C-alpha atoms as a PDB file:
ATOM      1  CA  UNK A   1     -39.157  45.565 -18.025  1.00  0.00           C
ATOM      2  CA  UNK A   2     -35.898  43.687 -17.421  1.00  0.00           C
ATOM      3  CA  UNK A   3     -33.660  44.558 -14.509  1.00  0.00           C
ATOM      4  CA  UNK A   4     -30.992  45.837 -16.921  1.00  0.00           C
ATOM      5  CA  UNK A   5     -33.565  48.160 -18.525  1.00  0.00           C
ATOM      6  CA  UNK A   6     -34.532  49.413 -15.052  1.00  0.00           C
ATOM      7  CA  UNK A   7     -30.885  50.239 -14.306  1.00  0.00           C
ATOM      8  CA  UNK A   8     -30.492  52.189 -17.556  1.00  0.00           C
ATOM      9  CA  UNK A   9     -33.787  53.955 -16.944  1.00  0.00           C
ATOM     10  CA  UNK A  10     -32.562  55.095 -13.518  1.00  0.00           C
ATOM     11  CA  UNK A  11     -29.220  56.220 -14.936  1.00  0.00           C
ATOM     12  CA  UNK A  12     -30.932  58.238 -17.650  1.00  0.00           C
ATOM     13  CA  UNK A  13     -32.760  60.275 -15.016  1.00  0.00           C
ATOM     14  CA  UNK A  14     -29.431  61.899 -14.111  1.00  0.00           C
ATOM     15  CA  UNK A  15     -29.108  65.160 -16.071  1.00  0.00           C
ATOM     16  CA  UNK A  16     -25.717  65.770 -17.776  1.00  0.00           C
ATOM     17  CA  UNK A  17     -25.309  68.979 -15.779  1.00  0.00           C
ATOM     18  CA  UNK A  18     -21.559  69.642 -16.172  1.00  0.00           C
ATOM     19  CA  UNK A  19     -19.926  69.874 -19.590  1.00  0.00           C
ATOM     20  CA  UNK A  20     -16.865  67.886 -18.451  1.00  0.00           C
ATOM     21  CA  UNK A  21     -19.082  65.028 -17.258  1.00  0.00           C
ATOM     22  CA  UNK A  22     -21.093  65.122 -20.497  1.00  0.00           C
ATOM     23  CA  UNK A  23     -17.835  64.775 -22.433  1.00  0.00           C
ATOM     24  CA  UNK A  24     -16.656  61.932 -20.181  1.00  0.00           C
ATOM     25  CA  UNK A  25     -19.976  60.074 -20.484  1.00  0.00           C
ATOM     26  CA  UNK A  26     -19.960  60.521 -24.263  1.00  0.00           C
ATOM     27  CA  UNK A  27     -16.399  59.194 -24.323  1.00  0.00           C
ATOM     28  CA  UNK A  28     -17.526  56.042 -22.520  1.00  0.00           C
ATOM     29  CA  UNK A  29     -20.442  55.673 -24.938  1.00  0.00           C
ATOM     30  CA  UNK A  30     -18.204  55.983 -27.998  1.00  0.00           C
ATOM     31  CA  UNK A  31     -15.510  53.588 -26.778  1.00  0.00           C
ATOM     32  CA  UNK A  32     -18.107  50.896 -25.980  1.00  0.00           C
ATOM     33  CA  UNK A  33     -20.593  51.480 -28.837  1.00  0.00           C
ATOM     34  CA  UNK A  34     -20.833  49.561 -32.111  1.00  0.00           C
ATOM     35  CA  UNK A  35     -18.595  51.772 -34.264  1.00  0.00           C
ATOM     36  CA  UNK A  36     -16.306  54.727 -33.509  1.00  0.00           C
ATOM     37  CA  UNK A  37     -13.724  55.572 -36.161  1.00  0.00           C
ATOM     38  CA  UNK A  38     -12.488  58.645 -38.088  1.00  0.00           C
ATOM     39  CA  UNK A  39     -15.026  57.783 -40.776  1.00  0.00           C
ATOM     40  CA  UNK A  40     -18.147  56.833 -38.837  1.00  0.00           C
ATOM     41  CA  UNK A  41     -19.952  56.775 -35.500  1.00  0.00           C
ATOM     42  CA  UNK A  42     -22.708  54.216 -35.042  1.00  0.00           C
ATOM     43  CA  UNK A  43     -24.554  53.660 -31.756  1.00  0.00           C
ATOM     44  CA  UNK A  44     -27.157  50.898 -31.477  1.00  0.00           C
ATOM     45  CA  UNK A  45     -29.383  50.460 -28.429  1.00  0.00           C
ATOM     46  CA  UNK A  46     -32.637  48.815 -27.406  1.00  0.00           C
ATOM     47  CA  UNK A  47     -33.092  51.135 -24.422  1.00  0.00           C
ATOM     48  CA  UNK A  48     -35.678  53.828 -25.106  1.00  0.00           C
ATOM     49  CA  UNK A  49     -34.426  55.848 -22.154  1.00  0.00           C
ATOM     50  CA  UNK A  50     -30.846  55.810 -23.471  1.00  0.00           C
ATOM     51  CA  UNK A  51     -32.096  56.658 -26.963  1.00  0.00           C
ATOM     52  CA  UNK A  52     -33.885  59.711 -25.572  1.00  0.00           C
ATOM     53  CA  UNK A  53     -30.784  60.735 -23.608  1.00  0.00           C
ATOM     54  CA  UNK A  54     -28.256  60.451 -26.453  1.00  0.00           C
ATOM     55  CA  UNK A  55     -29.241  63.562 -28.482  1.00  0.00           C
ATOM     56  CA  UNK A  56     -29.198  65.750 -25.350  1.00  0.00           C
ATOM     57  CA  UNK A  57     -25.895  64.243 -24.236  1.00  0.00           C
ATOM     58  CA  UNK A  58     -24.142  64.878 -27.576  1.00  0.00           C
ATOM     59  CA  UNK A  59     -25.580  68.368 -27.771  1.00  0.00           C
ATOM     60  CA  UNK A  60     -24.195  69.109 -24.301  1.00  0.00           C
ATOM     61  CA  UNK A  61     -20.796  67.513 -24.960  1.00  0.00           C
ATOM     62  CA  UNK A  62     -20.129  68.540 -28.575  1.00  0.00           C
ATOM     63  CA  UNK A  63     -22.898  70.926 -29.637  1.00  0.00           C
ATOM     64  CA  UNK A  64     -23.728  68.443 -32.420  1.00  0.00           C
ATOM     65  CA  UNK A  65     -26.746  66.554 -33.734  1.00  0.00           C
ATOM     66  CA  UNK A  66     -26.779  63.052 -35.198  1.00  0.00           C
ATOM     67  CA  UNK A  67     -26.880  62.622 -38.956  1.00  0.00           C
ATOM     68  CA  UNK A  68     -29.320  59.747 -38.607  1.00  0.00           C
ATOM     69  CA  UNK A  69     -31.904  59.251 -35.851  1.00  0.00           C
ATOM     70  CA  UNK A  70     -34.145  56.224 -35.162  1.00  0.00           C
ATOM     71  CA  UNK A  71     -37.424  56.208 -37.068  1.00  0.00           C
ATOM     72  CA  UNK A  72     -39.316  54.622 -34.158  1.00  0.00           C
ATOM     73  CA  UNK A  73     -38.846  53.966 -30.455  1.00  0.00           C
ATOM     74  CA  UNK A  74     -39.315  50.191 -30.801  1.00  0.00           C
ATOM     75  CA  UNK A  75     -36.649  47.494 -31.161  1.00  0.00           C
ATOM     76  CA  UNK A  76     -33.077  48.411 -32.012  1.00  0.00           C
ATOM     77  CA  UNK A  77     -32.526  52.140 -32.374  1.00  0.00           C
ATOM     78  CA  UNK A  78     -29.593  53.382 -34.452  1.00  0.00           C
ATOM     79  CA  UNK A  79     -27.795  56.721 -34.226  1.00  0.00           C
ATOM     80  CA  UNK A  80     -25.074  57.625 -36.743  1.00  0.00           C
ATOM     81  CA  UNK A  81     -22.661  60.431 -37.474  1.00  0.00           C
ATOM     82  CA  UNK A  82     -21.012  60.344 -40.920  1.00  0.00           C
ATOM     83  CA  UNK A  83     -20.127  64.004 -41.407  1.00  0.00           C
ATOM     84  CA  UNK A  84     -16.312  64.229 -41.363  1.00  0.00           C
ATOM     85  CA  UNK A  85     -16.373  67.720 -39.814  1.00  0.00           C
ATOM     86  CA  UNK A  86     -18.528  66.530 -36.894  1.00  0.00           C
ATOM     87  CA  UNK A  87     -16.321  63.502 -36.287  1.00  0.00           C
ATOM     88  CA  UNK A  88     -13.206  65.696 -36.420  1.00  0.00           C
ATOM     89  CA  UNK A  89     -14.777  67.994 -33.852  1.00  0.00           C
ATOM     90  CA  UNK A  90     -15.486  65.027 -31.545  1.00  0.00           C
ATOM     91  CA  UNK A  91     -11.836  64.005 -31.824  1.00  0.00           C
ATOM     92  CA  UNK A  92     -10.742  67.549 -31.048  1.00  0.00           C
ATOM     93  CA  UNK A  93     -12.865  67.605 -27.879  1.00  0.00           C
ATOM     94  CA  UNK A  94     -11.087  64.441 -26.749  1.00  0.00           C
ATOM     95  CA  UNK A  95      -7.702  65.996 -27.544  1.00  0.00           C
ATOM     96  CA  UNK A  96      -6.919  63.379 -30.190  1.00  0.00           C
ATOM     97  CA  UNK A  97      -5.932  63.418 -33.835  1.00  0.00           C
ATOM     98  CA  UNK A  98      -8.654  62.383 -36.268  1.00  0.00           C
ATOM     99  CA  UNK A  99      -6.108  60.260 -38.109  1.00  0.00           C
ATOM    100  CA  UNK A 100      -5.759  58.078 -35.008  1.00  0.00           C
ATOM    101  CA  UNK A 101      -8.223  55.354 -34.111  1.00  0.00           C
ATOM    102  CA  UNK A 102      -9.548  56.736 -30.817  1.00  0.00           C
ATOM    103  CA  UNK A 103     -10.896  53.333 -29.801  1.00  0.00           C
ATOM    104  CA  UNK A 104      -7.342  52.099 -29.259  1.00  0.00           C
ATOM    105  CA  UNK A 105      -6.755  54.243 -26.166  1.00  0.00           C
ATOM    106  CA  UNK A 106      -8.360  55.988 -23.218  1.00  0.00           C
ATOM    107  CA  UNK A 107      -7.350  59.626 -22.713  1.00  0.00           C
ATOM    108  CA  UNK A 108      -7.125  59.733 -18.915  1.00  0.00           C
ATOM    109  CA  UNK A 109      -6.668  63.499 -19.054  1.00  0.00           C
ATOM    110  CA  UNK A 110     -10.431  63.755 -19.588  1.00  0.00           C
ATOM    111  CA  UNK A 111     -11.087  61.587 -16.514  1.00  0.00           C
ATOM    112  CA  UNK A 112      -9.154  63.352 -13.766  1.00  0.00           C
ATOM    113  CA  UNK A 113     -12.183  64.156 -11.575  1.00  0.00           C
ATOM    114  CA  UNK A 114     -14.134  61.457  -9.718  1.00  0.00           C
ATOM    115  CA  UNK A 115     -17.416  62.710 -11.201  1.00  0.00           C
ATOM    116  CA  UNK A 116     -15.986  62.407 -14.717  1.00  0.00           C
ATOM    117  CA  UNK A 117     -14.752  58.864 -14.066  1.00  0.00           C
ATOM    118  CA  UNK A 118     -18.196  57.853 -12.850  1.00  0.00           C
ATOM    119  CA  UNK A 119     -19.754  59.545 -15.910  1.00  0.00           C
ATOM    120  CA  UNK A 120     -17.322  57.717 -18.216  1.00  0.00           C
ATOM    121  CA  UNK A 121     -18.236  54.324 -16.756  1.00  0.00           C
ATOM    122  CA  UNK A 122     -21.922  55.272 -16.903  1.00  0.00           C
ATOM    123  CA  UNK A 123     -21.605  55.921 -20.629  1.00  0.00           C
ATOM    124  CA  UNK A 124     -19.671  52.673 -21.107  1.00  0.00           C
ATOM    125  CA  UNK A 125     -22.403  50.728 -19.322  1.00  0.00           C
ATOM    126  CA  UNK A 126     -25.191  52.433 -21.261  1.00  0.00           C
ATOM    127  CA  UNK A 127     -23.567  51.586 -24.603  1.00  0.00           C
ATOM    128  CA  UNK A 128     -21.875  48.243 -23.935  1.00  0.00           C
ATOM    129  CA  UNK A 129     -23.022  46.998 -20.556  1.00  0.00           C
ATOM    130  CA  UNK A 130     -25.577  44.629 -19.134  1.00  0.00           C
ATOM    131  CA  UNK A 131     -26.596  43.236 -15.752  1.00  0.00           C
ATOM    132  CA  UNK A 132     -28.665  40.146 -15.002  1.00  0.00           C
ATOM    133  CA  UNK A 133     -31.720  39.892 -12.796  1.00  0.00           C
ATOM    134  CA  UNK A 134     -30.416  39.411  -9.223  1.00  0.00           C
ATOM    135  CA  UNK A 135     -33.265  36.981  -8.556  1.00  0.00           C
ATOM    136  CA  UNK A 136     -31.487  34.575 -10.936  1.00  0.00           C
ATOM    137  CA  UNK A 137     -27.772  35.284 -10.516  1.00  0.00           C
ATOM    138  CA  UNK A 138     -25.236  38.070 -10.054  1.00  0.00           C
ATOM    139  CA  UNK A 139     -23.458  39.204 -13.214  1.00  0.00           C
ATOM    140  CA  UNK A 140     -22.579  42.639 -14.616  1.00  0.00           C
ATOM    141  CA  UNK A 141     -20.376  43.211 -17.649  1.00  0.00           C
ATOM    142  CA  UNK A 142     -18.955  45.848 -19.986  1.00  0.00           C
ATOM    143  CA  UNK A 143     -18.058  44.743 -23.526  1.00  0.00           C
ATOM    144  CA  UNK A 144     -15.902  46.539 -26.094  1.00  0.00           C
ATOM    145  CA  UNK A 145     -14.343  45.422 -29.374  1.00  0.00           C
ATOM    146  CA  UNK A 146     -11.018  47.073 -28.530  1.00  0.00           C
ATOM    147  CA  UNK A 147      -8.431  45.189 -26.483  1.00  0.00           C
ATOM    148  CA  UNK A 148      -6.431  48.232 -25.385  1.00  0.00           C
ATOM    149  CA  UNK A 149      -9.568  50.025 -24.239  1.00  0.00           C
ATOM    150  CA  UNK A 150     -10.560  46.978 -22.202  1.00  0.00           C
ATOM    151  CA  UNK A 151      -7.146  46.841 -20.520  1.00  0.00           C
ATOM    152  CA  UNK A 152      -7.019  50.560 -19.747  1.00  0.00           C
ATOM    153  CA  UNK A 153     -10.592  50.659 -18.428  1.00  0.00           C
ATOM    154  CA  UNK A 154      -9.781  47.664 -16.252  1.00  0.00           C
ATOM    155  CA  UNK A 155      -6.827  49.589 -14.800  1.00  0.00           C
ATOM    156  CA  UNK A 156      -9.097  52.588 -14.215  1.00  0.00           C
ATOM    157  CA  UNK A 157     -11.663  50.421 -12.441  1.00  0.00           C
ATOM    158  CA  UNK A 158      -8.937  48.806 -10.337  1.00  0.00           C
ATOM    159  CA  UNK A 159      -7.908  52.268  -9.173  1.00  0.00           C
ATOM    160  CA  UNK A 160     -11.547  52.961  -8.255  1.00  0.00           C
ATOM    161  CA  UNK A 161     -11.665  49.780  -6.144  1.00  0.00           C
ATOM    162  CA  UNK A 162     -13.771  47.502  -8.360  1.00  0.00           C
ATOM    163  CA  UNK A 163     -11.207  44.964  -9.716  1.00  0.00           C
ATOM    164  CA  UNK A 164     -13.232  43.350 -12.539  1.00  0.00           C
ATOM    165  CA  UNK A 165     -12.303  40.096 -14.226  1.00  0.00           C
ATOM    166  CA  UNK A 166     -11.873  39.899 -17.993  1.00  0.00           C
ATOM    167  CA  UNK A 167     -12.663  37.420 -20.740  1.00  0.00           C
ATOM    168  CA  UNK A 168     -12.744  37.391 -24.556  1.00  0.00           C
ATOM    169  CA  UNK A 169     -16.049  36.413 -26.105  1.00  0.00           C
ATOM    170  CA  UNK A 170     -17.014  36.374 -29.795  1.00  0.00           C
ATOM    171  CA  UNK A 171     -14.585  39.134 -30.754  1.00  0.00           C
ATOM    172  CA  UNK A 172     -15.401  41.301 -27.734  1.00  0.00           C
ATOM    173  CA  UNK A 173     -13.317  41.998 -24.653  1.00  0.00           C
ATOM    174  CA  UNK A 174     -15.528  41.746 -21.584  1.00  0.00           C
ATOM    175  CA  UNK A 175     -14.982  43.146 -18.095  1.00  0.00           C
ATOM    176  CA  UNK A 176     -17.316  41.582 -15.558  1.00  0.00           C
ATOM    177  CA  UNK A 177     -18.289  41.090 -11.895  1.00  0.00           C
ATOM    178  CA  UNK A 178     -20.024  38.125 -10.294  1.00  0.00           C
ATOM    179  CA  UNK A 179     -19.967  39.390  -6.692  1.00  0.00           C
ATOM    180  CA  UNK A 180     -23.189  41.039  -5.554  1.00  0.00           C
ATOM    181  CA  UNK A 181     -21.405  43.583  -3.344  1.00  0.00           C
ATOM    182  CA  UNK A 182     -19.205  44.797  -6.235  1.00  0.00           C
ATOM    183  CA  UNK A 183     -22.239  45.139  -8.498  1.00  0.00           C
ATOM    184  CA  UNK A 184     -24.075  47.109  -5.804  1.00  0.00           C
ATOM    185  CA  UNK A 185     -21.116  49.491  -5.352  1.00  0.00           C
ATOM    186  CA  UNK A 186     -20.612  49.849  -9.094  1.00  0.00           C
ATOM    187  CA  UNK A 187     -24.260  50.736  -9.787  1.00  0.00           C
ATOM    188  CA  UNK A 188     -24.227  53.191  -6.886  1.00  0.00           C
ATOM    189  CA  UNK A 189     -21.136  54.873  -8.352  1.00  0.00           C
ATOM    190  CA  UNK A 190     -22.768  55.106 -11.776  1.00  0.00           C
ATOM    191  CA  UNK A 191     -25.839  56.764 -10.248  1.00  0.00           C
ATOM    192  CA  UNK A 192     -28.344  53.915  -9.795  1.00  0.00           C
ATOM    193  CA  UNK A 193     -28.647  53.513  -5.984  1.00  0.00           C
ATOM    194  CA  UNK A 194     -32.280  52.334  -6.185  1.00  0.00           C
ATOM    195  CA  UNK A 195     -31.365  49.368  -8.391  1.00  0.00           C
ATOM    196  CA  UNK A 196     -28.331  48.697  -6.179  1.00  0.00           C
ATOM    197  CA  UNK A 197     -30.716  48.499  -3.221  1.00  0.00           C
ATOM    198  CA  UNK A 198     -32.846  46.098  -5.257  1.00  0.00           C
ATOM    199  CA  UNK A 199     -29.853  43.749  -5.493  1.00  0.00           C
ATOM    200  CA  UNK A 200     -29.364  43.953  -1.728  1.00  0.00           C
ATOM    201  CA  UNK A 201     -33.024  43.140  -1.122  1.00  0.00           C
ATOM    202  CA  UNK A 202     -32.935  40.233  -3.579  1.00  0.00           C
ATOM    203  CA  UNK A 203     -29.832  38.890  -1.838  1.00  0.00           C
ATOM    204  CA  UNK A 204     -31.483  39.114   1.603  1.00  0.00           C
ATOM    205  CA  UNK A 205     -34.625  37.375   0.330  1.00  0.00           C
ATOM    206  CA  UNK A 206     -32.552  34.671  -1.343  1.00  0.00           C
ATOM    207  CA  UNK A 207     -30.516  34.091   1.834  1.00  0.00           C
ATOM    208  CA  UNK A 208     -33.688  33.915   3.934  1.00  0.00           C
ATOM    209  CA  UNK A 209     -35.288  31.508   1.469  1.00  0.00           C
ATOM    210  CA  UNK A 210     -32.200  29.296   1.421  1.00  0.00           C
ATOM    211  CA  UNK A 211     -32.024  29.378   5.216  1.00  0.00           C
ATOM    212  CA  UNK A 212     -35.661  28.332   5.545  1.00  0.00           C
ATOM    213  CA  UNK A 213     -35.157  25.547   3.011  1.00  0.00           C
ATOM    214  CA  UNK A 214     -32.107  24.273   4.859  1.00  0.00           C
ATOM    215  CA  UNK A 215     -33.973  24.257   8.167  1.00  0.00           C
ATOM    216  CA  UNK A 216     -36.992  22.518   6.643  1.00  0.00           C
ATOM    217  CA  UNK A 217     -34.779  19.905   5.001  1.00  0.00           C
ATOM    218  CA  UNK A 218     -32.897  19.356   8.256  1.00  0.00           C
ATOM    219  CA  UNK A 219     -36.088  19.046  10.270  1.00  0.00           C
ATOM    220  CA  UNK A 220     -37.585  16.704   7.677  1.00  0.00           C
ATOM    221  CA  UNK A 221     -34.488  14.522   7.768  1.00  0.00           C
ATOM    222  CA  UNK A 222     -34.508  14.454  11.570  1.00  0.00           C
ATOM    223  CA  UNK A 223     -38.201  13.634  11.610  1.00  0.00           C
ATOM    224  CA  UNK A 224     -37.611  10.795   9.158  1.00  0.00           C
ATOM    225  CA  UNK A 225     -34.857   9.391  11.358  1.00  0.00           C
ATOM    226  CA  UNK A 226     -37.090   9.637  14.436  1.00  0.00           C
ATOM    227  CA  UNK A 227     -39.947   7.823  12.667  1.00  0.00           C
ATOM    228  CA  UNK A 228     -37.608   5.069  11.463  1.00  0.00           C
ATOM    229  CA  UNK A 229     -36.174   4.657  14.960  1.00  0.00           C
ATOM    230  CA  UNK A 230     -39.651   4.478  16.501  1.00  0.00           C
ATOM    231  CA  UNK A 231     -40.714   1.820  13.994  1.00  0.00           C
ATOM    232  CA  UNK A 232     -37.630  -0.240  14.790  1.00  0.00           C
ATOM    233  CA  UNK A 233     -38.387   0.022  18.526  1.00  0.00           C
ATOM    234  CA  UNK A 234     -42.019  -1.026  18.046  1.00  0.00           C
ATOM    235  CA  UNK A 235     -40.931  -3.992  15.903  1.00  0.00           C
ATOM    236  CA  UNK A 236     -38.531  -5.061  18.645  1.00  0.00           C
ATOM    237  CA  UNK A 237     -41.301  -4.866  21.240  1.00  0.00           C
ATOM    238  CA  UNK A 238     -43.599  -6.980  19.049  1.00  0.00           C
ATOM    239  CA  UNK A 239     -40.894  -9.632  18.653  1.00  0.00           C
ATOM    240  CA  UNK A 240     -40.447  -9.805  22.417  1.00  0.00           C
ATOM    241  CA  UNK A 241     -44.206 -10.221  22.860  1.00  0.00           C
ATOM    242  CA  UNK A 242     -44.411 -12.932  20.208  1.00  0.00           C
ATOM    243  CA  UNK A 243     -41.673 -14.909  21.962  1.00  0.00           C
ATOM    244  CA  UNK A 244     -43.353 -14.512  25.343  1.00  0.00           C
ATOM    245  CA  UNK A 245     -40.409 -12.540  26.726  1.00  0.00           C
ATOM    246  CA  UNK A 246     -42.186  -9.233  27.326  1.00  0.00           C
ATOM    247  CA  UNK A 247     -43.434 -10.043  30.824  1.00  0.00           C
ATOM    248  CA  UNK A 248     -39.982 -11.266  31.889  1.00  0.00           C
ATOM    249  CA  UNK A 249     -38.354  -7.918  31.098  1.00  0.00           C
ATOM    250  CA  UNK A 250     -36.924  -5.850  33.980  1.00  0.00           C
ATOM    251  CA  UNK A 251     -39.420  -3.304  35.287  1.00  0.00           C
ATOM    252  CA  UNK A 252     -37.650  -0.304  33.741  1.00  0.00           C
ATOM    253  CA  UNK A 253     -37.469  -1.917  30.295  1.00  0.00           C
ATOM    254  CA  UNK A 254     -41.062  -3.158  30.462  1.00  0.00           C
ATOM    255  CA  UNK A 255     -42.293   0.290  31.532  1.00  0.00           C
ATOM    256  CA  UNK A 256     -40.341   1.930  28.679  1.00  0.00           C
ATOM    257  CA  UNK A 257     -41.655  -0.575  26.120  1.00  0.00           C
ATOM    258  CA  UNK A 258     -45.226  -0.071  27.317  1.00  0.00           C
ATOM    259  CA  UNK A 259     -44.844   3.711  27.058  1.00  0.00           C
ATOM    260  CA  UNK A 260     -43.477   3.454  23.509  1.00  0.00           C
ATOM    261  CA  UNK A 261     -46.316   1.150  22.469  1.00  0.00           C
ATOM    262  CA  UNK A 262     -48.869   3.633  23.817  1.00  0.00           C
ATOM    263  CA  UNK A 263     -47.086   6.615  22.189  1.00  0.00           C
ATOM    264  CA  UNK A 264     -45.737   5.404  18.818  1.00  0.00           C
ATOM    265  CA  UNK A 265     -45.209   8.945  17.452  1.00  0.00           C
ATOM    266  CA  UNK A 266     -43.592  10.501  20.551  1.00  0.00           C
ATOM    267  CA  UNK A 267     -39.957  11.574  20.557  1.00  0.00           C
ATOM    268  CA  UNK A 268     -37.448  10.139  23.008  1.00  0.00           C
ATOM    269  CA  UNK A 269     -37.499  13.404  24.944  1.00  0.00           C
ATOM    270  CA  UNK A 270     -41.305  13.269  25.224  1.00  0.00           C
ATOM    271  CA  UNK A 271     -41.102   9.662  26.399  1.00  0.00           C
ATOM    272  CA  UNK A 272     -38.439  10.577  28.959  1.00  0.00           C
ATOM    273  CA  UNK A 273     -40.649  13.321  30.375  1.00  0.00           C
ATOM    274  CA  UNK A 274     -43.651  10.951  30.504  1.00  0.00           C
ATOM    275  CA  UNK A 275     -41.865   8.407  32.676  1.00  0.00           C
ATOM    276  CA  UNK A 276     -42.785   8.210  36.373  1.00  0.00           C
ATOM    277  CA  UNK A 277     -40.504   9.571  37.635  1.00  0.00           C
ATOM    278  CA  UNK A 278     -39.126  11.420  34.572  1.00  0.00           C
ATOM    279  CA  UNK A 279     -35.714  10.331  33.296  1.00  0.00           C
ATOM    280  CA  UNK A 280     -33.162  11.742  30.887  1.00  0.00           C
ATOM    281  CA  UNK A 281     -33.347  11.364  27.111  1.00  0.00           C
ATOM    282  CA  UNK A 282     -30.094   9.385  27.116  1.00  0.00           C
ATOM    283  CA  UNK A 283     -31.572   6.940  29.654  1.00  0.00           C
ATOM    284  CA  UNK A 284     -34.598   6.291  27.405  1.00  0.00           C
ATOM    285  CA  UNK A 285     -32.294   5.902  24.393  1.00  0.00           C
ATOM    286  CA  UNK A 286     -30.196   3.353  26.272  1.00  0.00           C
ATOM    287  CA  UNK A 287     -33.302   1.352  27.262  1.00  0.00           C
ATOM    288  CA  UNK A 288     -34.571   1.343  23.669  1.00  0.00           C
ATOM    289  CA  UNK A 289     -31.270   0.010  22.402  1.00  0.00           C
ATOM    290  CA  UNK A 290     -31.370  -2.684  25.082  1.00  0.00           C
ATOM    291  CA  UNK A 291     -34.867  -3.738  23.965  1.00  0.00           C
ATOM    292  CA  UNK A 292     -33.676  -3.978  20.351  1.00  0.00           C
ATOM    293  CA  UNK A 293     -30.659  -6.089  21.391  1.00  0.00           C
ATOM    294  CA  UNK A 294     -32.853  -8.467  23.424  1.00  0.00           C
ATOM    295  CA  UNK A 295     -35.308  -8.863  20.543  1.00  0.00           C
ATOM    296  CA  UNK A 296     -32.462  -9.985  18.234  1.00  0.00           C
ATOM    297  CA  UNK A 297     -31.091 -12.668  20.611  1.00  0.00           C
END
């Protein structure tokens, strides 16, 4: 099951307990579904949980049944209302005239309570929303075919503290988030706190994984630099030996060169601590650079 399907499954577990919230949720469904006009209502979904919720929701909100129900619970499931009297009744519940295209506006009088606003957005997400798997990326969107609806819902969401961005895509007007914290808050408001927590957990795991990778890459790079430096020091010592200059080195340089030759994989700090008496890392580094300079003369 996709993450989006999990979100809709969690949302569908919320019972439409209050009539006002059932109306608000149905309003969101109708404004973001495939077709809502004075002549026809057509809702298409691939979510079995949403398909099971729809008949109960419309019965609670309007006391109506669909004229056409899906024949199976697989693939795309289509619900339609073609009866003019039923559609007129739906318009009346929203306080609108059936001669007006309801999809061109949002009746904010239905959405005065916070619970009704959350229910409205829940219905909009169920009918026209999607969210990606947080393991891959962060993206949640609501898509409607009506420009005015998109603008008014954006204003409503701004007032609720979400501030979505908008874009037109293939004839649809899309409101979307790409910030994980906004998606978490939005899903929590809709009634899916478990899935919101899943986004938080995915974000923590991703941050930990990225942090480990950065540390490993940094340590690998540092180790590579240390190995290259050690090889350059050993090559310098060999050149001094080949030229017969090794025994003429000052005692401190000769002792350092001998220690490096005996410990080719040791770090400068380990070499510094192995000296008798021990010296600082910077002192060993200075001696190594002096050996390299002498080998090049």
